[in-house]
Amino acid sequence: MKQGRFCWNELLTRDVEASRRFFQTMFGWTSEDHDMGWTTYTIFKDGDERVAGMMPMPADIPADVPSHWFSYILVEDVDAATVRLRDAGGTVKREPHQVGDFGRMAIVADPSGSHFALWQELKRD
């Protein structure tokens, strides 16, 4: 996938089981739960294809923030992209950090305040 493309969508929800039932019924998706140590992360699949992720709303998100979808944009180097984002007038909400052995990410916002994630996949042998 090319840099600068939306590469993943993730549901942050206050009711994991209700969301799971809804999307399984709506689209026929299946789901797999993965223990991440600090939370359970659910992968939605359409057949064998991974189509989206889901996780419980993190405890540090204010109670008035509703469940919502969150998008990731692919970059080659999340640290360099974070510098470019700041130079372009964006803000960093969470600095670049490692996500298991999957990749690195930063949570950011454009100048209008719209949040998204920068995502760098780890190179696999």
PDB file of N, CA and C in Angstrom:
ATOM      1  N   MET A   1       0.845  -1.178   0.000  1.00  0.00           N
ATOM      2  CA  MET A   1       0.000   0.000   0.000  1.00  0.00           C
ATOM      3  C   MET A   1       0.896   1.248   0.000  1.00  0.00           C
ATOM      4  N   LYS A   2       0.480   2.255  -0.700  1.00  0.00           N
ATOM      5  CA  LYS A   2       1.249   3.477  -0.880  1.00  0.00           C
ATOM      6  C   LYS A   2       1.103   4.428   0.307  1.00  0.00           C
ATOM      7  N   GLN A   3       2.208   5.096   0.632  1.00  0.00           N
ATOM      8  CA  GLN A   3       2.200   6.100   1.697  1.00  0.00           C
ATOM      9  C   GLN A   3       1.150   7.166   1.424  1.00  0.00           C
ATOM     10  N   GLY A   4       0.501   7.631   2.488  1.00  0.00           N
ATOM     11  CA  GLY A   4      -0.510   8.671   2.357  1.00  0.00           C
ATOM     12  C   GLY A   4      -1.908   8.132   2.114  1.00  0.00           C
ATOM     13  N   ARG A   5      -2.071   6.811   2.122  1.00  0.00           N
ATOM     14  CA  ARG A   5      -3.381   6.189   1.920  1.00  0.00           C
ATOM     15  C   ARG A   5      -3.972   5.761   3.258  1.00  0.00           C
ATOM     16  N   PHE A   6      -5.296   5.866   3.361  1.00  0.00           N
ATOM     17  CA  PHE A   6      -5.951   5.313   4.531  1.00  0.00           C
ATOM     18  C   PHE A   6      -5.727   3.805   4.506  1.00  0.00           C
ATOM     19  N   CYS A   7      -5.261   3.250   5.621  1.00  0.00           N
ATOM     20  CA  CYS A   7      -4.883   1.840   5.627  1.00  0.00           C
ATOM     21  C   CYS A   7      -5.605   1.010   6.688  1.00  0.00           C
ATOM     22  N   TRP A   8      -6.318   1.634   7.623  1.00  0.00           N
ATOM     23  CA  TRP A   8      -6.994   0.872   8.664  1.00  0.00           C
ATOM     24  C   TRP A   8      -8.068   1.738   9.298  1.00  0.00           C
ATOM     25  N   ASN A   9      -9.142   1.103   9.710  1.00  0.00           N
ATOM     26  CA  ASN A   9     -10.205   1.765  10.453  1.00  0.00           C
ATOM     27  C   ASN A   9     -10.451   0.983  11.725  1.00  0.00           C
ATOM     28  N   GLU A  10     -10.677   1.724  12.798  1.00  0.00           N
ATOM     29  CA  GLU A  10     -10.795   1.111  14.115  1.00  0.00           C
ATOM     30  C   GLU A  10     -11.958   1.737  14.866  1.00  0.00           C
ATOM     31  N   LEU A  11     -12.769   0.887  15.454  1.00  0.00           N
ATOM     32  CA  LEU A  11     -13.894   1.342  16.253  1.00  0.00           C
ATOM     33  C   LEU A  11     -13.483   1.385  17.716  1.00  0.00           C
ATOM     34  N   LEU A  12     -13.621   2.548  18.335  1.00  0.00           N
ATOM     35  CA  LEU A  12     -13.471   2.689  19.779  1.00  0.00           C
ATOM     36  C   LEU A  12     -14.883   2.756  20.331  1.00  0.00           C
ATOM     37  N   THR A  13     -15.252   1.791  21.155  1.00  0.00           N
ATOM     38  CA  THR A  13     -16.641   1.660  21.567  1.00  0.00           C
ATOM     39  C   THR A  13     -16.779   1.529  23.073  1.00  0.00           C
ATOM     40  N   ARG A  14     -17.903   1.991  23.565  1.00  0.00           N
ATOM     41  CA  ARG A  14     -18.216   1.861  24.988  1.00  0.00           C
ATOM     42  C   ARG A  14     -18.975   0.563  25.273  1.00  0.00           C
ATOM     43  N   ASP A  15     -19.367  -0.175  24.205  1.00  0.00           N
ATOM     44  CA  ASP A  15     -20.070  -1.444  24.375  1.00  0.00           C
ATOM     45  C   ASP A  15     -19.585  -2.424  23.307  1.00  0.00           C
ATOM     46  N   VAL A  16     -18.506  -3.133  23.616  1.00  0.00           N
ATOM     47  CA  VAL A  16     -17.871  -4.036  22.660  1.00  0.00           C
ATOM     48  C   VAL A  16     -18.840  -5.103  22.166  1.00  0.00           C
ATOM     49  N   GLU A  17     -19.574  -5.732  23.067  1.00  0.00           N
ATOM     50  CA  GLU A  17     -20.446  -6.831  22.650  1.00  0.00           C
ATOM     51  C   GLU A  17     -21.601  -6.354  21.768  1.00  0.00           C
ATOM     52  N   ALA A  18     -22.196  -5.213  22.092  1.00  0.00           N
ATOM     53  CA  ALA A  18     -23.268  -4.671  21.241  1.00  0.00           C
ATOM     54  C   ALA A  18     -22.720  -4.317  19.859  1.00  0.00           C
ATOM     55  N   SER A  19     -21.530  -3.729  19.817  1.00  0.00           N
ATOM     56  CA  SER A  19     -20.919  -3.384  18.531  1.00  0.00           C
ATOM     57  C   SER A  19     -20.590  -4.637  17.736  1.00  0.00           C
ATOM     58  N   ARG A  20     -20.050  -5.641  18.406  1.00  0.00           N
ATOM     59  CA  ARG A  20     -19.726  -6.901  17.736  1.00  0.00           C
ATOM     60  C   ARG A  20     -20.987  -7.500  17.093  1.00  0.00           C
ATOM     61  N   ARG A  21     -22.048  -7.597  17.870  1.00  0.00           N
ATOM     62  CA  ARG A  21     -23.306  -8.169  17.349  1.00  0.00           C
ATOM     63  C   ARG A  21     -23.826  -7.366  16.162  1.00  0.00           C
ATOM     64  N   PHE A  22     -23.784  -6.037  16.271  1.00  0.00           N
ATOM     65  CA  PHE A  22     -24.297  -5.185  15.203  1.00  0.00           C
ATOM     66  C   PHE A  22     -23.548  -5.425  13.892  1.00  0.00           C
ATOM     67  N   PHE A  23     -22.213  -5.359  13.924  1.00  0.00           N
ATOM     68  CA  PHE A  23     -21.450  -5.475  12.682  1.00  0.00           C
ATOM     69  C   PHE A  23     -21.441  -6.904  12.139  1.00  0.00           C
ATOM     70  N   GLN A  24     -21.536  -7.888  13.010  1.00  0.00           N
ATOM     71  CA  GLN A  24     -21.668  -9.261  12.521  1.00  0.00           C
ATOM     72  C   GLN A  24     -23.009  -9.450  11.826  1.00  0.00           C
ATOM     73  N   THR A  25     -24.070  -8.890  12.402  1.00  0.00           N
ATOM     74  CA  THR A  25     -25.399  -8.992  11.788  1.00  0.00           C
ATOM     75  C   THR A  25     -25.490  -8.150  10.522  1.00  0.00           C
ATOM     76  N   MET A  26     -24.992  -6.931  10.587  1.00  0.00           N
ATOM     77  CA  MET A  26     -25.101  -5.992   9.472  1.00  0.00           C
ATOM     78  C   MET A  26     -24.342  -6.464   8.231  1.00  0.00           C
ATOM     79  N   PHE A  27     -23.082  -6.907   8.422  1.00  0.00           N
ATOM     80  CA  PHE A  27     -22.219  -7.221   7.285  1.00  0.00           C
ATOM     81  C   PHE A  27     -21.788  -8.679   7.206  1.00  0.00           C
ATOM     82  N   GLY A  28     -22.174  -9.482   8.191  1.00  0.00           N
ATOM     83  CA  GLY A  28     -21.753 -10.879   8.186  1.00  0.00           C
ATOM     84  C   GLY A  28     -20.300 -11.067   8.578  1.00  0.00           C
ATOM     85  N   TRP A  29     -19.699 -10.041   9.193  1.00  0.00           N
ATOM     86  CA  TRP A  29     -18.305 -10.153   9.613  1.00  0.00           C
ATOM     87  C   TRP A  29     -18.176 -11.177  10.727  1.00  0.00           C
ATOM     88  N   THR A  30     -17.009 -11.783  10.820  1.00  0.00           N
ATOM     89  CA  THR A  30     -16.634 -12.583  11.974  1.00  0.00           C
ATOM     90  C   THR A  30     -15.655 -11.750  12.787  1.00  0.00           C
ATOM     91  N   SER A  31     -15.328 -12.224  13.978  1.00  0.00           N
ATOM     92  CA  SER A  31     -14.392 -11.453  14.799  1.00  0.00           C
ATOM     93  C   SER A  31     -13.447 -12.386  15.534  1.00  0.00           C
ATOM     94  N   GLU A  32     -12.237 -11.883  15.744  1.00  0.00           N
ATOM     95  CA  GLU A  32     -11.204 -12.583  16.512  1.00  0.00           C
ATOM     96  C   GLU A  32     -10.715 -11.634  17.586  1.00  0.00           C
ATOM     97  N   ASP A  33     -10.670 -12.099  18.827  1.00  0.00           N
ATOM     98  CA  ASP A  33     -10.155 -11.289  19.926  1.00  0.00           C
ATOM     99  C   ASP A  33      -8.686 -11.608  20.159  1.00  0.00           C
ATOM    100  N   HIS A  34      -7.906 -10.557  20.430  1.00  0.00           N
ATOM    101  CA  HIS A  34      -6.475 -10.690  20.696  1.00  0.00           C
ATOM    102  C   HIS A  34      -6.146  -9.966  21.994  1.00  0.00           C
ATOM    103  N   ASP A  35      -5.517 -10.662  22.924  1.00  0.00           N
ATOM    104  CA  ASP A  35      -5.102 -10.063  24.190  1.00  0.00           C
ATOM    105  C   ASP A  35      -3.857  -9.223  23.943  1.00  0.00           C
ATOM    106  N   MET A  36      -3.985  -7.915  24.141  1.00  0.00           N
ATOM    107  CA  MET A  36      -2.861  -7.007  23.935  1.00  0.00           C
ATOM    108  C   MET A  36      -2.133  -6.697  25.244  1.00  0.00           C
ATOM    109  N   GLY A  37      -2.527  -7.345  26.325  1.00  0.00           N
ATOM    110  CA  GLY A  37      -1.914  -7.079  27.627  1.00  0.00           C
ATOM    111  C   GLY A  37      -2.677  -6.011  28.379  1.00  0.00           C
ATOM    112  N   TRP A  38      -2.902  -4.878  27.755  1.00  0.00           N
ATOM    113  CA  TRP A  38      -3.597  -3.757  28.401  1.00  0.00           C
ATOM    114  C   TRP A  38      -5.056  -3.676  27.972  1.00  0.00           C
ATOM    115  N   THR A  39      -5.421  -4.391  26.901  1.00  0.00           N
ATOM    116  CA  THR A  39      -6.809  -4.431  26.442  1.00  0.00           C
ATOM    117  C   THR A  39      -7.000  -5.629  25.519  1.00  0.00           C
ATOM    118  N   THR A  40      -8.224  -5.920  25.205  1.00  0.00           N
ATOM    119  CA  THR A  40      -8.530  -6.922  24.185  1.00  0.00           C
ATOM    120  C   THR A  40      -8.832  -6.177  22.892  1.00  0.00           C
ATOM    121  N   TYR A  41      -8.146  -6.554  21.823  1.00  0.00           N
ATOM    122  CA  TYR A  41      -8.334  -5.933  20.525  1.00  0.00           C
ATOM    123  C   TYR A  41      -9.042  -6.933  19.625  1.00  0.00           C
ATOM    124  N   THR A  42     -10.101  -6.496  18.989  1.00  0.00           N
ATOM    125  CA  THR A  42     -10.896  -7.357  18.119  1.00  0.00           C
ATOM    126  C   THR A  42     -10.610  -7.016  16.667  1.00  0.00           C
ATOM    127  N   ILE A  43     -10.367  -8.047  15.874  1.00  0.00           N
ATOM    128  CA  ILE A  43     -10.220  -7.892  14.427  1.00  0.00           C
ATOM    129  C   ILE A  43     -11.510  -8.391  13.784  1.00  0.00           C
ATOM    130  N   PHE A  44     -12.146  -7.532  12.992  1.00  0.00           N
ATOM    131  CA  PHE A  44     -13.296  -7.945  12.190  1.00  0.00           C
ATOM    132  C   PHE A  44     -12.780  -8.475  10.863  1.00  0.00           C
ATOM    133  N   LYS A  45     -13.393  -9.568  10.407  1.00  0.00           N
ATOM    134  CA  LYS A  45     -12.985 -10.171   9.146  1.00  0.00           C
ATOM    135  C   LYS A  45     -14.196 -10.403   8.260  1.00  0.00           C
ATOM    136  N   ASP A  46     -13.987 -10.237   6.967  1.00  0.00           N
ATOM    137  CA  ASP A  46     -14.959 -10.598   5.938  1.00  0.00           C
ATOM    138  C   ASP A  46     -14.327 -11.774   5.203  1.00  0.00           C
ATOM    139  N   GLY A  47     -14.763 -12.979   5.538  1.00  0.00           N
ATOM    140  CA  GLY A  47     -14.063 -14.167   5.041  1.00  0.00           C
ATOM    141  C   GLY A  47     -12.700 -14.214   5.704  1.00  0.00           C
ATOM    142  N   ASP A  48     -11.645 -14.285   4.887  1.00  0.00           N
ATOM    143  CA  ASP A  48     -10.280 -14.298   5.419  1.00  0.00           C
ATOM    144  C   ASP A  48      -9.658 -12.906   5.473  1.00  0.00           C
ATOM    145  N   GLU A  49     -10.365 -11.902   4.943  1.00  0.00           N
ATOM    146  CA  GLU A  49      -9.809 -10.547   4.861  1.00  0.00           C
ATOM    147  C   GLU A  49     -10.087  -9.755   6.134  1.00  0.00           C
ATOM    148  N   ARG A  50      -9.036  -9.180   6.697  1.00  0.00           N
ATOM    149  CA  ARG A  50      -9.183  -8.281   7.841  1.00  0.00           C
ATOM    150  C   ARG A  50      -9.739  -6.957   7.334  1.00  0.00           C
ATOM    151  N   VAL A  51     -10.867  -6.523   7.911  1.00  0.00           N
ATOM    152  CA  VAL A  51     -11.499  -5.301   7.398  1.00  0.00           C
ATOM    153  C   VAL A  51     -11.477  -4.139   8.394  1.00  0.00           C
ATOM    154  N   ALA A  52     -11.367  -4.414   9.688  1.00  0.00           N
ATOM    155  CA  ALA A  52     -11.371  -3.338  10.678  1.00  0.00           C
ATOM    156  C   ALA A  52     -10.998  -3.898  12.046  1.00  0.00           C
ATOM    157  N   GLY A  53     -10.690  -2.989  12.942  1.00  0.00           N
ATOM    158  CA  GLY A  53     -10.412  -3.366  14.322  1.00  0.00           C
ATOM    159  C   GLY A  53     -11.412  -2.715  15.263  1.00  0.00           C
ATOM    160  N   MET A  54     -11.445  -3.225  16.497  1.00  0.00           N
ATOM    161  CA  MET A  54     -12.333  -2.662  17.512  1.00  0.00           C
ATOM    162  C   MET A  54     -11.681  -2.844  18.872  1.00  0.00           C
ATOM    163  N   MET A  55     -11.858  -1.849  19.714  1.00  0.00           N
ATOM    164  CA  MET A  55     -11.367  -1.954  21.080  1.00  0.00           C
ATOM    165  C   MET A  55     -12.255  -1.146  22.011  1.00  0.00           C
ATOM    166  N   PRO A  56     -12.240  -1.476  23.303  1.00  0.00           N
ATOM    167  CA  PRO A  56     -13.010  -0.671  24.248  1.00  0.00           C
ATOM    168  C   PRO A  56     -12.451   0.747  24.289  1.00  0.00           C
ATOM    169  N   MET A  57     -13.315   1.706  24.523  1.00  0.00           N
ATOM    170  CA  MET A  57     -12.890   3.094  24.653  1.00  0.00           C
ATOM    171  C   MET A  57     -11.869   3.179  25.794  1.00  0.00           C
ATOM    172  N   PRO A  58     -10.689   3.731  25.538  1.00  0.00           N
ATOM    173  CA  PRO A  58      -9.693   3.860  26.606  1.00  0.00           C
ATOM    174  C   PRO A  58     -10.226   4.689  27.779  1.00  0.00           C
ATOM    175  N   ALA A  59      -9.800   4.330  28.966  1.00  0.00           N
ATOM    176  CA  ALA A  59     -10.289   4.964  30.197  1.00  0.00           C
ATOM    177  C   ALA A  59      -9.963   6.457  30.261  1.00  0.00           C
ATOM    178  N   ASP A  60      -8.903   6.888  29.570  1.00  0.00           N
ATOM    179  CA  ASP A  60      -8.519   8.303  29.643  1.00  0.00           C
ATOM    180  C   ASP A  60      -9.314   9.194  28.687  1.00  0.00           C
ATOM    181  N   ILE A  61     -10.226   8.615  27.911  1.00  0.00           N
ATOM    182  CA  ILE A  61     -11.091   9.400  27.018  1.00  0.00           C
ATOM    183  C   ILE A  61     -12.281   9.883  27.853  1.00  0.00           C
ATOM    184  N   PRO A  62     -12.584  11.173  27.820  1.00  0.00           N
ATOM    185  CA  PRO A  62     -13.707  11.690  28.625  1.00  0.00           C
ATOM    186  C   PRO A  62     -15.023  10.972  28.323  1.00  0.00           C
ATOM    187  N   ALA A  63     -15.856  10.853  29.353  1.00  0.00           N
ATOM    188  CA  ALA A  63     -17.121  10.113  29.248  1.00  0.00           C
ATOM    189  C   ALA A  63     -18.081  10.699  28.222  1.00  0.00           C
ATOM    190  N   ASP A  64     -17.935  11.984  27.891  1.00  0.00           N
ATOM    191  CA  ASP A  64     -18.859  12.591  26.934  1.00  0.00           C
ATOM    192  C   ASP A  64     -18.444  12.351  25.477  1.00  0.00           C
ATOM    193  N   VAL A  65     -17.302  11.688  25.256  1.00  0.00           N
ATOM    194  CA  VAL A  65     -16.897  11.346  23.890  1.00  0.00           C
ATOM    195  C   VAL A  65     -17.595  10.040  23.512  1.00  0.00           C
ATOM    196  N   PRO A  66     -18.412  10.066  22.462  1.00  0.00           N
ATOM    197  CA  PRO A  66     -19.149   8.854  22.086  1.00  0.00           C
ATOM    198  C   PRO A  66     -18.258   7.834  21.382  1.00  0.00           C
ATOM    199  N   SER A  67     -18.759   6.621  21.282  1.00  0.00           N
ATOM    200  CA  SER A  67     -18.091   5.609  20.469  1.00  0.00           C
ATOM    201  C   SER A  67     -17.911   6.187  19.064  1.00  0.00           C
ATOM    202  N   HIS A  68     -16.794   5.843  18.425  1.00  0.00           N
ATOM    203  CA  HIS A  68     -16.530   6.411  17.100  1.00  0.00           C
ATOM    204  C   HIS A  68     -15.503   5.577  16.337  1.00  0.00           C
ATOM    205  N   TRP A  69     -15.525   5.758  15.015  1.00  0.00           N
ATOM    206  CA  TRP A  69     -14.525   5.152  14.148  1.00  0.00           C
ATOM    207  C   TRP A  69     -13.324   6.075  14.060  1.00  0.00           C
ATOM    208  N   PHE A  70     -12.137   5.482  13.969  1.00  0.00           N
ATOM    209  CA  PHE A  70     -10.869   6.202  13.931  1.00  0.00           C
ATOM    210  C   PHE A  70     -10.057   5.656  12.760  1.00  0.00           C
ATOM    211  N   SER A  71      -9.475   6.548  11.950  1.00  0.00           N
ATOM    212  CA  SER A  71      -8.761   6.136  10.732  1.00  0.00           C
ATOM    213  C   SER A  71      -7.251   6.270  10.884  1.00  0.00           C
ATOM    214  N   TYR A  72      -6.543   5.387  10.194  1.00  0.00           N
ATOM    215  CA  TYR A  72      -5.079   5.372  10.166  1.00  0.00           C
ATOM    216  C   TYR A  72      -4.619   5.668   8.746  1.00  0.00           C
ATOM    217  N   ILE A  73      -3.546   6.457   8.629  1.00  0.00           N
ATOM    218  CA  ILE A  73      -2.954   6.779   7.327  1.00  0.00           C
ATOM    219  C   ILE A  73      -1.522   6.255   7.319  1.00  0.00           C
ATOM    220  N   LEU A  74      -1.178   5.517   6.278  1.00  0.00           N
ATOM    221  CA  LEU A  74       0.125   4.870   6.156  1.00  0.00           C
ATOM    222  C   LEU A  74       1.226   5.886   5.851  1.00  0.00           C
ATOM    223  N   VAL A  75       2.338   5.775   6.565  1.00  0.00           N
ATOM    224  CA  VAL A  75       3.538   6.569   6.304  1.00  0.00           C
ATOM    225  C   VAL A  75       4.749   5.636   6.324  1.00  0.00           C
ATOM    226  N   GLU A  76       5.831   6.050   5.673  1.00  0.00           N
ATOM    227  CA  GLU A  76       7.044   5.225   5.664  1.00  0.00           C
ATOM    228  C   GLU A  76       7.807   5.343   6.972  1.00  0.00           C
ATOM    229  N   ASP A  77       7.778   6.535   7.575  1.00  0.00           N
ATOM    230  CA  ASP A  77       8.527   6.803   8.803  1.00  0.00           C
ATOM    231  C   ASP A  77       7.659   7.692   9.689  1.00  0.00           C
ATOM    232  N   VAL A  78       7.090   7.127  10.750  1.00  0.00           N
ATOM    233  CA  VAL A  78       6.156   7.880  11.593  1.00  0.00           C
ATOM    234  C   VAL A  78       6.836   9.050  12.301  1.00  0.00           C
ATOM    235  N   ASP A  79       8.104   8.905  12.656  1.00  0.00           N
ATOM    236  CA  ASP A  79       8.796  10.010  13.323  1.00  0.00           C
ATOM    237  C   ASP A  79       8.985  11.190  12.379  1.00  0.00           C
ATOM    238  N   ALA A  80       9.415  10.928  11.147  1.00  0.00           N
ATOM    239  CA  ALA A  80       9.592  11.993  10.153  1.00  0.00           C
ATOM    240  C   ALA A  80       8.243  12.603   9.780  1.00  0.00           C
ATOM    241  N   ALA A  81       7.208  11.767   9.656  1.00  0.00           N
ATOM    242  CA  ALA A  81       5.874  12.274   9.309  1.00  0.00           C
ATOM    243  C   ALA A  81       5.323  13.171  10.417  1.00  0.00           C
ATOM    244  N   THR A  82       5.648  12.862  11.649  1.00  0.00           N
ATOM    245  CA  THR A  82       5.196  13.693  12.775  1.00  0.00           C
ATOM    246  C   THR A  82       5.839  15.073  12.712  1.00  0.00           C
ATOM    247  N   VAL A  83       7.096  15.130  12.342  1.00  0.00           N
ATOM    248  CA  VAL A  83       7.773  16.429  12.170  1.00  0.00           C
ATOM    249  C   VAL A  83       7.097  17.216  11.049  1.00  0.00           C
ATOM    250  N   ARG A  84       6.835  16.560   9.908  1.00  0.00           N
ATOM    251  CA  ARG A  84       6.159  17.236   8.781  1.00  0.00           C
ATOM    252  C   ARG A  84       4.775  17.723   9.189  1.00  0.00           C
ATOM    253  N   LEU A  85       4.062  16.916   9.966  1.00  0.00           N
ATOM    254  CA  LEU A  85       2.726  17.289  10.425  1.00  0.00           C
ATOM    255  C   LEU A  85       2.786  18.580  11.248  1.00  0.00           C
ATOM    256  N   ARG A  86       3.722  18.644  12.178  1.00  0.00           N
ATOM    257  CA  ARG A  86       3.866  19.865  12.992  1.00  0.00           C
ATOM    258  C   ARG A  86       4.216  21.063  12.103  1.00  0.00           C
ATOM    259  N   ASP A  87       5.135  20.861  11.161  1.00  0.00           N
ATOM    260  CA  ASP A  87       5.533  21.943  10.258  1.00  0.00           C
ATOM    261  C   ASP A  87       4.360  22.428   9.405  1.00  0.00           C
ATOM    262  N   ALA A  88       3.409  21.540   9.125  1.00  0.00           N
ATOM    263  CA  ALA A  88       2.243  21.883   8.306  1.00  0.00           C
ATOM    264  C   ALA A  88       1.096  22.468   9.130  1.00  0.00           C
ATOM    265  N   GLY A  89       1.286  22.590  10.455  1.00  0.00           N
ATOM    266  CA  GLY A  89       0.261  23.195  11.298  1.00  0.00           C
ATOM    267  C   GLY A  89      -0.590  22.220  12.079  1.00  0.00           C
ATOM    268  N   GLY A  90      -0.265  20.934  11.997  1.00  0.00           N
ATOM    269  CA  GLY A  90      -0.995  19.932  12.772  1.00  0.00           C
ATOM    270  C   GLY A  90      -0.478  19.853  14.197  1.00  0.00           C
ATOM    271  N   THR A  91      -1.177  19.086  15.030  1.00  0.00           N
ATOM    272  CA  THR A  91      -0.754  18.892  16.412  1.00  0.00           C
ATOM    273  C   THR A  91      -0.642  17.403  16.708  1.00  0.00           C
ATOM    274  N   VAL A  92       0.281  17.091  17.598  1.00  0.00           N
ATOM    275  CA  VAL A  92       0.493  15.711  18.009  1.00  0.00           C
ATOM    276  C   VAL A  92      -0.214  15.504  19.338  1.00  0.00           C
ATOM    277  N   LYS A  93      -1.124  14.548  19.362  1.00  0.00           N
ATOM    278  CA  LYS A  93      -1.876  14.227  20.580  1.00  0.00           C
ATOM    279  C   LYS A  93      -1.171  13.143  21.382  1.00  0.00           C
ATOM    280  N   ARG A  94      -0.527  12.219  20.687  1.00  0.00           N
ATOM    281  CA  ARG A  94       0.287  11.188  21.332  1.00  0.00           C
ATOM    282  C   ARG A  94       1.492  10.935  20.447  1.00  0.00           C
ATOM    283  N   GLU A  95       2.665  11.117  21.018  1.00  0.00           N
ATOM    284  CA  GLU A  95       3.918  10.989  20.274  1.00  0.00           C
ATOM    285  C   GLU A  95       4.054   9.595  19.657  1.00  0.00           C
ATOM    286  N   PRO A  96       4.921   9.465  18.644  1.00  0.00           N
ATOM    287  CA  PRO A  96       5.146   8.156  18.037  1.00  0.00           C
ATOM    288  C   PRO A  96       5.517   7.116  19.102  1.00  0.00           C
ATOM    289  N   HIS A  97       4.923   5.932  18.956  1.00  0.00           N
ATOM    290  CA  HIS A  97       5.175   4.853  19.906  1.00  0.00           C
ATOM    291  C   HIS A  97       4.991   3.507  19.217  1.00  0.00           C
ATOM    292  N   GLN A  98       5.610   2.510  19.796  1.00  0.00           N
ATOM    293  CA  GLN A  98       5.559   1.154  19.281  1.00  0.00           C
ATOM    294  C   GLN A  98       4.225   0.504  19.634  1.00  0.00           C
ATOM    295  N   VAL A  99       3.664  -0.272  18.701  1.00  0.00           N
ATOM    296  CA  VAL A  99       2.441  -1.039  18.940  1.00  0.00           C
ATOM    297  C   VAL A  99       2.809  -2.512  18.747  1.00  0.00           C
ATOM    298  N   GLY A 100       3.185  -3.153  19.836  1.00  0.00           N
ATOM    299  CA  GLY A 100       3.604  -4.544  19.774  1.00  0.00           C
ATOM    300  C   GLY A 100       4.649  -4.752  18.709  1.00  0.00           C
ATOM    301  N   ASP A 101       4.524  -5.854  17.977  1.00  0.00           N
ATOM    302  CA  ASP A 101       5.449  -6.099  16.867  1.00  0.00           C
ATOM    303  C   ASP A 101       4.777  -5.822  15.522  1.00  0.00           C
ATOM    304  N   PHE A 102       3.717  -4.984  15.572  1.00  0.00           N
ATOM    305  CA  PHE A 102       2.958  -4.656  14.369  1.00  0.00           C
ATOM    306  C   PHE A 102       3.470  -3.405  13.658  1.00  0.00           C
ATOM    307  N   GLY A 103       3.807  -2.355  14.434  1.00  0.00           N
ATOM    308  CA  GLY A 103       4.229  -1.116  13.817  1.00  0.00           C
ATOM    309  C   GLY A 103       4.411  -0.009  14.827  1.00  0.00           C
ATOM    310  N   ARG A 104       4.498   1.202  14.303  1.00  0.00           N
ATOM    311  CA  ARG A 104       4.610   2.405  15.134  1.00  0.00           C
ATOM    312  C   ARG A 104       3.503   3.349  14.714  1.00  0.00           C
ATOM    313  N   MET A 105       3.029   4.114  15.683  1.00  0.00           N
ATOM    314  CA  MET A 105       1.957   5.050  15.370  1.00  0.00           C
ATOM    315  C   MET A 105       2.098   6.318  16.186  1.00  0.00           C
ATOM    316  N   ALA A 106       1.419   7.361  15.722  1.00  0.00           N
ATOM    317  CA  ALA A 106       1.242   8.604  16.464  1.00  0.00           C
ATOM    318  C   ALA A 106      -0.205   9.019  16.274  1.00  0.00           C
ATOM    319  N   ILE A 107      -0.797   9.553  17.322  1.00  0.00           N
ATOM    320  CA  ILE A 107      -2.156  10.092  17.219  1.00  0.00           C
ATOM    321  C   ILE A 107      -2.011  11.588  17.036  1.00  0.00           C
ATOM    322  N   VAL A 108      -2.627  12.107  15.987  1.00  0.00           N
ATOM    323  CA  VAL A 108      -2.410  13.485  15.564  1.00  0.00           C
ATOM    324  C   VAL A 108      -3.727  14.150  15.180  1.00  0.00           C
ATOM    325  N   ALA A 109      -3.644  15.449  14.909  1.00  0.00           N
ATOM    326  CA  ALA A 109      -4.813  16.191  14.430  1.00  0.00           C
ATOM    327  C   ALA A 109      -4.367  17.175  13.361  1.00  0.00           C
ATOM    328  N   ASP A 110      -5.243  17.377  12.384  1.00  0.00           N
ATOM    329  CA  ASP A 110      -4.967  18.389  11.365  1.00  0.00           C
ATOM    330  C   ASP A 110      -5.280  19.769  11.953  1.00  0.00           C
ATOM    331  N   PRO A 111      -4.983  20.868  11.237  1.00  0.00           N
ATOM    332  CA  PRO A 111      -5.224  22.200  11.803  1.00  0.00           C
ATOM    333  C   PRO A 111      -6.677  22.482  12.188  1.00  0.00           C
ATOM    334  N   SER A 112      -7.632  21.747  11.615  1.00  0.00           N
ATOM    335  CA  SER A 112      -9.037  21.967  11.973  1.00  0.00           C
ATOM    336  C   SER A 112      -9.440  21.192  13.232  1.00  0.00           C
ATOM    337  N   GLY A 113      -8.530  20.334  13.732  1.00  0.00           N
ATOM    338  CA  GLY A 113      -8.810  19.565  14.940  1.00  0.00           C
ATOM    339  C   GLY A 113      -9.269  18.141  14.680  1.00  0.00           C
ATOM    340  N   SER A 114      -9.315  17.710  13.419  1.00  0.00           N
ATOM    341  CA  SER A 114      -9.737  16.360  13.087  1.00  0.00           C
ATOM    342  C   SER A 114      -8.618  15.366  13.416  1.00  0.00           C
ATOM    343  N   HIS A 115      -8.936  14.377  14.247  1.00  0.00           N
ATOM    344  CA  HIS A 115      -7.957  13.400  14.701  1.00  0.00           C
ATOM    345  C   HIS A 115      -7.831  12.219  13.741  1.00  0.00           C
ATOM    346  N   PHE A 116      -6.609  11.683  13.643  1.00  0.00           N
ATOM    347  CA  PHE A 116      -6.328  10.463  12.901  1.00  0.00           C
ATOM    348  C   PHE A 116      -4.993   9.921  13.405  1.00  0.00           C
ATOM    349  N   ALA A 117      -4.601   8.765  12.913  1.00  0.00           N
ATOM    350  CA  ALA A 117      -3.323   8.180  13.307  1.00  0.00           C
ATOM    351  C   ALA A 117      -2.398   8.095  12.110  1.00  0.00           C
ATOM    352  N   LEU A 118      -1.129   8.335  12.352  1.00  0.00           N
ATOM    353  CA  LEU A 118      -0.085   8.033  11.381  1.00  0.00           C
ATOM    354  C   LEU A 118       0.385   6.620  11.709  1.00  0.00           C
ATOM    355  N   TRP A 119       0.489   5.763  10.695  1.00  0.00           N
ATOM    356  CA  TRP A 119       0.831   4.360  10.923  1.00  0.00           C
ATOM    357  C   TRP A 119       2.014   3.941  10.061  1.00  0.00           C
ATOM    358  N   GLN A 120       3.022   3.347  10.699  1.00  0.00           N
ATOM    359  CA  GLN A 120       4.192   2.795  10.017  1.00  0.00           C
ATOM    360  C   GLN A 120       4.230   1.305  10.293  1.00  0.00           C
ATOM    361  N   GLU A 121       4.076   0.502   9.253  1.00  0.00           N
ATOM    362  CA  GLU A 121       4.152  -0.940   9.412  1.00  0.00           C
ATOM    363  C   GLU A 121       5.595  -1.347   9.655  1.00  0.00           C
ATOM    364  N   LEU A 122       5.786  -2.338  10.502  1.00  0.00           N
ATOM    365  CA  LEU A 122       7.123  -2.877  10.691  1.00  0.00           C
ATOM    366  C   LEU A 122       7.479  -3.765   9.510  1.00  0.00           C
ATOM    367  N   LYS A 123       8.711  -3.665   9.105  1.00  0.00           N
ATOM    368  CA  LYS A 123       9.199  -4.537   8.019  1.00  0.00           C
ATOM    369  C   LYS A 123       9.342  -5.938   8.581  1.00  0.00           C
ATOM    370  N   ARG A 124       8.780  -6.898   7.892  1.00  0.00           N
ATOM    371  CA  ARG A 124       8.853  -8.301   8.326  1.00  0.00           C
ATOM    372  C   ARG A 124       9.747  -9.078   7.363  1.00  0.00           C
ATOM    373  N   ASP A 125      10.511  -9.988   7.945  1.00  0.00           N
ATOM    374  CA  ASP A 125      11.412 -10.821   7.112  1.00  0.00           C
ATOM    375  C   ASP A 125      10.648 -11.850   6.323  1.00  0.00           C
TER     376      ASP A 125
END
